[in-house]
Amino acid sequence: MASARRIGILTAGGDSPGLNAAIRGIGKAAIGHYGMDVIGFRDGFRGLAEDRSMRLNRRLSGILTVGGTILGTSRDKPHRMLVDGEVMDMTGAVVRTYEKHRLDALVCLGGGGTAKNALRLVRAGLNVITLPKTIDNDVVLTDATFGFATALDVATDALDRLHSTAHSHHRIIVCEIMGHRAGWLTLGAGIAGGADVILIPEIPYTVESIAEAISRRVRAGSNFSIVAVAEGARNPEDAQAFAAAEARKRAASTPEEIQASVGVLAAVEAAHEGNTLRLATQLEALTGLESRVTILGYVQRGGTPSAADRLLATRLGSAGADLISEGVFGVMVAARGDGTEPVPLEQVAGKRKPVPPDHPWVLAARHVGTCLGD
């Protein structure tokens, strides 16, 4: 669509380093190279449904290095949005806003959930593309997501700093790293930060296996250990319960089944809360070493994006403007080597990229003697 003249941009889901770099990348390419107008919508799909917008043509300078998103974000879904205490389908309102602003395309910056919502809008007749964003790096069919590299640097730096106190006080330091359903961040940071134990959702662990690995280190003369644990790491029994709850949610079709499955999954996740603290207590009892817990939390998602994320976000944003100019819609702009590739949203929505058990990172961790808890 060489005649495209006006595009909209929104950021959805959790914030992530590189969002402003991506907004800048697609905005500057669309404005400077293709002569388009660019409109931003505040607070994700909610701002689109409520028609809360801002012209971006003059607001892109100086945001490359800024964390967060100048547009704001939310986890609202167009088809299930809370309005005045009632859950409503706001897809029609989204379409009306799109038409009111005479948009030729909408760009949604987000992860897997955003891809699902974007696909719904494509099926409602809108021209939509997405850019893959998440610190979890779990979006399928893209080499990388922007936000991951920065979070990896932050988590690795934290593990580096924890080594000194663990060594000085002869302690087990258990560091919780973000990642409910995918372990890329914990695995990468654990390897780069020299963690002695790495626990990820894809590999169920036993406390006994971890304690034995730590005890072997003690017998070999090392009186401290660093344990990097993902939020979603579980023992085999809990992992089985979580998998069953997720499978039930995927299979639900009626409103009653969906509501019941959501409740079951919420109960399973609630039972998992505080797991890192319990793990530290169990390891202290089994090894006789004092244990301390550090939970990194949102510090991993904040702050200035790394050079790698700025570069990736700019590449993906610029490529997105190219696709809009060419009339290519209904796709995610995937990173592929040093280039990019449009991937149909049907192949992305509702899918997740877990860490394969035979991934080179996993094999490398095992080869250098890192315990993975199994």
Protein backbone atom coordinates (compact mmCIF):
# COMPACT_ATOMS: atom_id res chain seq x y z
CA MET A 1 0.00 0.00 0.00
CA ALA A 2 2.28 2.72 -1.26
CA SER A 3 -0.51 5.25 -0.63
CA ALA A 4 -0.58 4.64 3.15
CA ARG A 5 -0.57 8.00 4.86
CA ARG A 6 -1.57 7.52 8.48
CA ILE A 7 -0.66 4.83 11.00
CA GLY A 8 -1.41 4.24 14.65
CA ILE A 9 0.95 2.83 17.28
CA LEU A 10 0.24 1.34 20.71
CA THR A 11 2.19 -0.59 23.33
CA ALA A 12 0.47 -3.43 25.18
CA GLY A 13 1.25 -5.86 27.97
CA GLY A 14 4.08 -5.37 30.45
CA ASP A 15 6.59 -2.60 29.92
CA SER A 16 9.94 -3.58 28.48
CA PRO A 17 13.26 -1.91 27.65
CA GLY A 18 13.33 -0.78 24.03
CA LEU A 19 9.68 0.16 23.63
CA ASN A 20 10.49 3.82 23.04
CA ALA A 21 13.28 2.83 20.67
CA ALA A 22 10.76 0.78 18.67
CA ILE A 23 8.22 3.63 18.66
CA ARG A 24 10.98 5.92 17.43
CA GLY A 25 12.16 3.40 14.82
CA ILE A 26 8.82 2.86 13.16
CA GLY A 27 7.77 6.50 13.63
CA LYS A 28 10.85 8.09 12.14
CA ALA A 29 10.91 5.66 9.22
CA ALA A 30 7.20 6.21 8.54
CA ILE A 31 7.45 9.99 8.78
CA GLY A 32 10.88 10.71 7.33
CA HIS A 33 11.12 8.02 4.67
CA TYR A 34 7.49 7.53 3.65
CA GLY A 35 5.84 10.85 4.54
CA MET A 36 3.19 9.32 6.79
CA ASP A 37 1.44 10.78 9.81
CA VAL A 38 1.85 8.81 13.04
CA ILE A 39 -0.66 8.74 15.88
CA GLY A 40 0.03 7.11 19.23
CA PHE A 41 -2.70 5.61 21.42
CA ARG A 42 -2.26 5.76 25.18
CA ASP A 43 -2.33 2.77 27.51
CA GLY A 44 -2.59 -0.03 25.00
CA PHE A 45 -5.84 -1.33 23.58
CA ARG A 46 -7.82 0.56 26.23
CA GLY A 47 -6.64 3.89 24.85
CA LEU A 48 -7.52 2.72 21.35
CA ALA A 49 -11.04 1.76 22.45
CA GLU A 50 -11.47 5.04 24.34
CA ASP A 51 -9.88 7.13 21.56
CA ARG A 52 -7.11 8.62 23.71
CA SER A 53 -4.49 9.62 21.18
CA MET A 54 -1.49 11.87 20.61
CA ARG A 55 0.31 12.99 17.46
CA LEU A 56 3.82 11.54 17.44
CA ASN A 57 5.34 13.47 14.54
CA ARG A 58 7.09 15.92 16.88
CA ARG A 59 7.55 13.67 19.92
CA LEU A 60 10.09 11.11 18.75
CA SER A 61 13.31 13.00 19.44
CA GLY A 62 15.17 12.10 22.62
CA ILE A 63 13.28 8.90 23.42
CA LEU A 64 15.76 6.33 22.07
CA THR A 65 17.52 5.90 25.42
CA VAL A 66 14.46 6.32 27.65
CA GLY A 67 13.03 3.30 29.46
CA GLY A 68 9.35 2.44 29.64
CA THR A 69 6.99 3.78 26.98
CA ILE A 70 5.89 7.33 26.30
CA LEU A 71 2.50 5.93 25.29
CA GLY A 72 1.83 4.03 28.50
CA THR A 73 0.64 0.44 28.46
CA SER A 74 -1.97 -1.93 29.86
CA ARG A 75 -2.96 -5.57 29.71
CA ASP A 76 -6.51 -4.86 28.54
CA LYS A 77 -7.94 -7.04 25.77
CA PRO A 78 -10.25 -5.50 23.14
CA HIS A 79 -12.79 -8.32 23.43
CA ARG A 80 -12.76 -8.51 27.25
CA MET A 81 -12.35 -5.02 28.73
CA LEU A 82 -13.60 -3.91 32.13
CA VAL A 83 -15.88 -0.90 31.65
CA ASP A 84 -17.80 0.54 34.61
CA GLY A 85 -17.42 -2.71 36.50
CA GLU A 86 -18.64 -4.86 33.61
CA VAL A 87 -16.59 -6.96 31.19
CA MET A 88 -17.44 -5.83 27.67
CA ASP A 89 -16.38 -6.58 24.09
CA MET A 90 -14.90 -3.28 22.89
CA THR A 91 -13.85 -4.48 19.45
CA GLY A 92 -16.49 -2.30 17.84
CA ALA A 93 -15.16 0.77 19.64
CA VAL A 94 -11.65 -0.06 18.46
CA VAL A 95 -12.85 -0.29 14.86
CA ARG A 96 -14.65 3.05 15.18
CA THR A 97 -11.51 4.75 16.51
CA TYR A 98 -9.46 3.26 13.68
CA GLU A 99 -11.94 4.58 11.11
CA LYS A 100 -12.36 7.96 12.80
CA HIS A 101 -8.62 8.63 12.50
CA ARG A 102 -8.59 7.29 8.93
CA LEU A 103 -5.78 4.90 9.77
CA ASP A 104 -4.18 2.84 7.04
CA ALA A 105 -2.54 0.53 9.58
CA LEU A 106 -2.13 -0.14 13.29
CA VAL A 107 1.18 -1.20 14.84
CA CYS A 108 0.99 -3.11 18.13
CA LEU A 109 4.15 -3.52 20.20
CA GLY A 110 3.87 -6.50 22.52
CA GLY A 111 4.36 -10.18 23.21
CA GLY A 112 2.28 -13.30 22.70
CA GLY A 113 -0.90 -11.89 24.22
CA THR A 114 -0.66 -8.82 22.02
CA ALA A 115 -0.33 -11.06 18.96
CA LYS A 116 -3.60 -12.80 19.90
CA ASN A 117 -5.39 -9.48 20.31
CA ALA A 118 -3.92 -8.15 17.08
CA LEU A 119 -5.15 -11.22 15.20
CA ARG A 120 -8.67 -10.59 16.51
CA LEU A 121 -8.49 -7.06 15.07
CA VAL A 122 -7.24 -8.41 11.75
CA ARG A 123 -10.30 -10.65 11.65
CA ALA A 124 -12.41 -7.57 12.39
CA GLY A 125 -11.10 -6.05 9.15
CA LEU A 126 -8.21 -3.86 10.35
CA ASN A 127 -4.69 -3.66 8.88
CA VAL A 128 -2.43 -4.65 11.78
CA ILE A 129 1.21 -5.61 12.30
CA THR A 130 3.04 -6.39 15.54
CA LEU A 131 6.60 -6.04 16.83
CA PRO A 132 7.81 -8.73 19.30
CA LYS A 133 8.50 -7.31 22.75
CA THR A 134 9.13 -9.15 26.03
CA ILE A 135 11.98 -9.67 28.47
CA ASP A 136 11.01 -13.37 28.52
CA ASN A 137 12.15 -13.90 24.89
CA ASP A 138 9.36 -16.48 24.49
CA VAL A 139 7.61 -15.20 21.33
CA VAL A 140 7.67 -17.89 18.65
CA LEU A 141 9.25 -17.61 15.20
CA THR A 142 11.56 -14.69 15.98
CA ASP A 143 15.23 -14.96 16.83
CA ALA A 144 14.85 -12.41 19.62
CA THR A 145 12.45 -10.01 21.29
CA PHE A 146 13.48 -6.51 22.29
CA GLY A 147 13.71 -6.09 26.04
CA PHE A 148 15.40 -9.44 26.58
CA ALA A 149 18.99 -8.26 26.10
CA THR A 150 18.64 -5.46 28.65
CA ALA A 151 16.95 -7.68 31.23
CA LEU A 152 19.67 -10.27 30.67
CA ASP A 153 22.34 -7.66 31.41
CA VAL A 154 20.54 -6.55 34.58
CA ALA A 155 20.03 -10.08 35.91
CA THR A 156 23.61 -11.06 35.09
CA ASP A 157 24.96 -7.98 36.86
CA ALA A 158 22.88 -8.88 39.92
CA LEU A 159 24.33 -12.40 40.02
CA ASP A 160 27.83 -10.96 39.66
CA ARG A 161 27.25 -8.75 42.70
CA LEU A 162 25.67 -11.52 44.76
CA HIS A 163 28.80 -13.65 44.40
CA SER A 164 30.81 -11.40 46.68
CA THR A 165 28.38 -11.51 49.59
CA ALA A 166 27.73 -15.23 49.16
CA HIS A 167 31.46 -15.95 49.25
CA SER A 168 32.13 -13.60 52.16
CA HIS A 169 29.40 -15.02 54.39
CA HIS A 170 29.57 -18.69 53.28
CA ARG A 171 25.94 -18.61 52.22
CA ILE A 172 23.53 -19.96 49.68
CA ILE A 173 22.10 -17.01 47.79
CA VAL A 174 18.84 -17.80 45.99
CA CYS A 175 18.10 -15.18 43.32
CA GLU A 176 14.62 -15.10 41.79
CA ILE A 177 14.55 -13.93 38.17
CA MET A 178 11.46 -13.12 36.10
CA GLY A 179 9.94 -15.82 33.90
CA HIS A 180 6.64 -17.49 34.81
CA ARG A 181 6.42 -19.82 31.81
CA ALA A 182 9.77 -19.61 30.02
CA GLY A 183 13.29 -19.84 31.39
CA TRP A 184 15.34 -18.00 28.77
CA LEU A 185 16.17 -15.08 31.07
CA THR A 186 17.12 -17.19 34.08
CA LEU A 187 19.08 -19.65 31.97
CA GLY A 188 21.02 -16.97 30.12
CA ALA A 189 21.74 -14.90 33.22
CA GLY A 190 22.60 -17.99 35.22
CA ILE A 191 25.18 -19.11 32.69
CA ALA A 192 26.63 -15.63 32.16
CA GLY A 193 26.62 -14.92 35.91
CA GLY A 194 28.21 -18.22 36.89
CA ALA A 195 25.30 -19.54 38.94
CA ASP A 196 25.93 -22.96 40.45
CA VAL A 197 22.28 -23.97 40.18
CA ILE A 198 19.82 -22.81 37.50
CA LEU A 199 16.12 -23.65 37.83
CA ILE A 200 13.71 -22.96 34.95
CA PRO A 201 10.05 -23.82 34.28
CA GLU A 202 10.90 -26.25 31.49
CA ILE A 203 12.96 -28.56 33.75
CA PRO A 204 11.17 -29.63 36.97
CA TYR A 205 13.52 -29.81 39.94
CA THR A 206 13.82 -31.71 43.19
CA VAL A 207 15.12 -30.00 46.31
CA GLU A 208 17.17 -33.09 47.09
CA SER A 209 19.01 -32.86 43.76
CA ILE A 210 19.86 -29.20 44.39
CA ALA A 211 20.98 -29.88 47.96
CA GLU A 212 23.23 -32.71 46.81
CA ALA A 213 24.86 -30.47 44.18
CA ILE A 214 25.53 -27.80 46.83
CA SER A 215 26.88 -30.42 49.24
CA ARG A 216 29.28 -31.67 46.56
CA ARG A 217 30.58 -28.11 46.22
CA VAL A 218 31.13 -27.95 49.97
CA ARG A 219 33.05 -31.23 49.93
CA ALA A 220 35.17 -29.84 47.09
CA GLY A 221 36.05 -26.76 49.17
CA SER A 222 33.44 -24.21 48.02
CA ASN A 223 31.52 -22.86 50.99
CA PHE A 224 28.94 -20.86 49.05
CA SER A 225 26.53 -21.36 46.15
CA ILE A 226 24.44 -19.17 43.88
CA VAL A 227 21.02 -20.46 42.87
CA ALA A 228 19.28 -18.67 39.96
CA VAL A 229 15.59 -19.58 39.98
CA ALA A 230 12.88 -18.51 37.55
CA GLU A 231 9.54 -17.43 39.01
CA GLY A 232 7.84 -20.34 37.31
CA ALA A 233 10.31 -23.09 38.23
CA ARG A 234 8.49 -26.00 39.92
CA ASN A 235 8.98 -29.46 41.32
CA PRO A 236 7.53 -32.35 39.26
CA GLU A 237 4.23 -32.51 41.17
CA ASP A 238 3.58 -28.77 40.92
CA ALA A 239 4.69 -28.73 37.27
CA GLN A 240 2.17 -31.49 36.49
CA ALA A 241 -0.64 -29.61 38.25
CA PHE A 242 0.22 -26.40 36.39
CA ALA A 243 0.36 -28.17 33.02
CA ALA A 244 -3.02 -29.78 33.67
CA ALA A 245 -4.56 -26.42 34.63
CA GLU A 246 -3.21 -24.76 31.49
CA ALA A 247 -4.46 -27.64 29.33
CA ARG A 248 -7.91 -27.31 30.88
CA LYS A 249 -7.95 -23.60 30.12
CA ARG A 250 -6.96 -24.20 26.48
CA ALA A 251 -9.66 -26.83 26.07
CA ALA A 252 -12.43 -24.70 27.61
CA SER A 253 -15.03 -23.51 25.11
CA THR A 254 -18.15 -22.34 26.94
CA PRO A 255 -18.15 -19.22 29.17
CA GLU A 256 -18.75 -21.45 32.19
CA GLU A 257 -15.82 -23.73 31.32
CA ILE A 258 -13.54 -20.76 30.68
CA GLN A 259 -14.43 -19.15 34.00
CA ALA A 260 -13.91 -22.40 35.88
CA SER A 261 -10.57 -23.09 34.19
CA VAL A 262 -9.32 -19.58 34.96
CA GLY A 263 -10.20 -20.15 38.60
CA VAL A 264 -8.33 -23.45 38.71
CA LEU A 265 -5.24 -21.92 37.09
CA ALA A 266 -5.35 -18.97 39.48
CA ALA A 267 -5.51 -21.36 42.44
CA VAL A 268 -2.50 -23.32 41.17
CA GLU A 269 -0.51 -20.12 40.67
CA ALA A 270 -1.54 -18.79 44.10
CA ALA A 271 -0.26 -21.99 45.70
CA HIS A 272 3.08 -21.37 43.99
CA GLU A 273 3.53 -17.89 45.49
CA GLY A 274 6.40 -17.73 47.95
CA ASN A 275 8.03 -20.77 46.37
CA THR A 276 11.49 -19.15 46.26
CA LEU A 277 11.40 -18.46 50.00
CA ARG A 278 10.31 -22.04 50.69
CA LEU A 279 13.11 -23.34 48.49
CA ALA A 280 15.71 -21.32 50.40
CA THR A 281 14.40 -22.64 53.73
CA GLN A 282 14.49 -26.21 52.47
CA LEU A 283 18.05 -25.87 51.16
CA GLU A 284 19.22 -24.40 54.46
CA ALA A 285 17.76 -27.36 56.34
CA LEU A 286 19.26 -29.94 53.99
CA THR A 287 22.76 -28.43 53.61
CA GLY A 288 23.36 -26.67 56.91
CA LEU A 289 24.36 -23.51 55.04
CA GLU A 290 22.69 -20.20 55.79
CA SER A 291 20.41 -19.17 52.91
CA ARG A 292 19.30 -15.75 51.77
CA VAL A 293 16.84 -14.72 49.03
CA THR A 294 17.07 -11.86 46.55
CA ILE A 295 14.05 -11.18 44.34
CA LEU A 296 15.01 -8.94 41.42
CA GLY A 297 11.43 -8.12 40.40
CA TYR A 298 10.64 -5.13 38.21
CA VAL A 299 14.17 -3.78 38.23
CA GLN A 300 14.73 -6.18 35.32
CA ARG A 301 12.14 -4.38 33.19
CA GLY A 302 13.11 -0.80 33.93
CA GLY A 303 15.79 1.66 33.04
CA THR A 304 17.78 2.53 29.95
CA PRO A 305 17.68 -0.11 27.18
CA SER A 306 20.97 -1.70 26.20
CA ALA A 307 22.66 -0.98 22.89
CA ALA A 308 21.56 -4.40 21.64
CA ASP A 309 17.91 -3.69 22.39
CA ARG A 310 18.05 -0.20 20.87
CA LEU A 311 19.50 -1.69 17.70
CA LEU A 312 16.96 -4.54 17.54
CA ALA A 313 13.99 -2.26 18.24
CA THR A 314 15.12 0.21 15.60
CA ARG A 315 15.61 -2.56 13.02
CA LEU A 316 12.19 -4.05 13.70
CA GLY A 317 10.47 -0.66 13.72
CA SER A 318 12.05 0.44 10.47
CA ALA A 319 11.12 -2.88 8.85
CA GLY A 320 7.56 -2.43 10.08
CA ALA A 321 7.30 0.88 8.23
CA ASP A 322 8.59 -0.85 5.10
CA LEU A 323 5.91 -3.55 5.35
CA ILE A 324 3.14 -1.00 5.81
CA SER A 325 4.39 0.86 2.75
CA GLU A 326 4.28 -2.42 0.81
CA GLY A 327 0.77 -3.24 2.01
CA VAL A 328 1.81 -6.28 4.06
CA PHE A 329 -0.48 -6.72 7.08
CA GLY A 330 -1.58 -9.39 9.51
CA VAL A 331 2.03 -10.22 10.36
CA MET A 332 4.60 -9.97 13.12
CA VAL A 333 7.94 -8.40 12.18
CA ALA A 334 10.35 -11.14 13.23
CA ALA A 335 14.09 -10.80 13.76
CA ARG A 336 15.89 -13.20 11.45
CA GLY A 337 19.69 -13.10 11.61
CA ASP A 338 20.76 -9.57 10.79
CA GLY A 339 17.51 -8.98 8.91
CA THR A 340 13.78 -9.26 9.45
CA GLU A 341 10.93 -11.39 8.14
CA PRO A 342 7.14 -11.00 8.22
CA VAL A 343 5.48 -13.96 9.98
CA PRO A 344 1.68 -14.43 9.75
CA LEU A 345 -0.01 -13.68 13.06
CA GLU A 346 -1.89 -16.99 12.77
CA GLN A 347 1.45 -18.73 13.33
CA VAL A 348 2.29 -16.59 16.39
CA ALA A 349 -0.94 -16.04 18.33
CA GLY A 350 -1.57 -18.41 21.22
CA LYS A 351 1.90 -19.98 21.04
CA ARG A 352 4.95 -19.75 23.28
CA LYS A 353 8.64 -20.53 22.76
CA PRO A 354 9.90 -22.57 25.72
CA VAL A 355 13.51 -23.57 26.30
CA PRO A 356 14.06 -26.93 24.55
CA PRO A 357 15.65 -29.56 26.84
CA ASP A 358 18.46 -30.06 24.33
CA HIS A 359 19.05 -26.37 23.60
CA PRO A 360 22.76 -25.42 23.31
CA TRP A 361 22.46 -23.18 26.37
CA VAL A 362 21.16 -26.12 28.42
CA LEU A 363 23.91 -28.39 27.15
CA ALA A 364 26.57 -25.77 27.85
CA ALA A 365 25.30 -25.33 31.42
CA ARG A 366 25.43 -29.06 32.03
CA HIS A 367 28.90 -29.36 30.51
CA VAL A 368 30.36 -26.77 32.87
CA GLY A 369 28.88 -28.57 35.86
CA THR A 370 25.83 -26.39 36.53
CA CYS A 371 23.01 -28.17 38.35
CA LEU A 372 19.62 -27.77 36.65
CA GLY A 373 17.72 -29.38 39.47
CA ASP A 374 16.77 -32.62 37.72
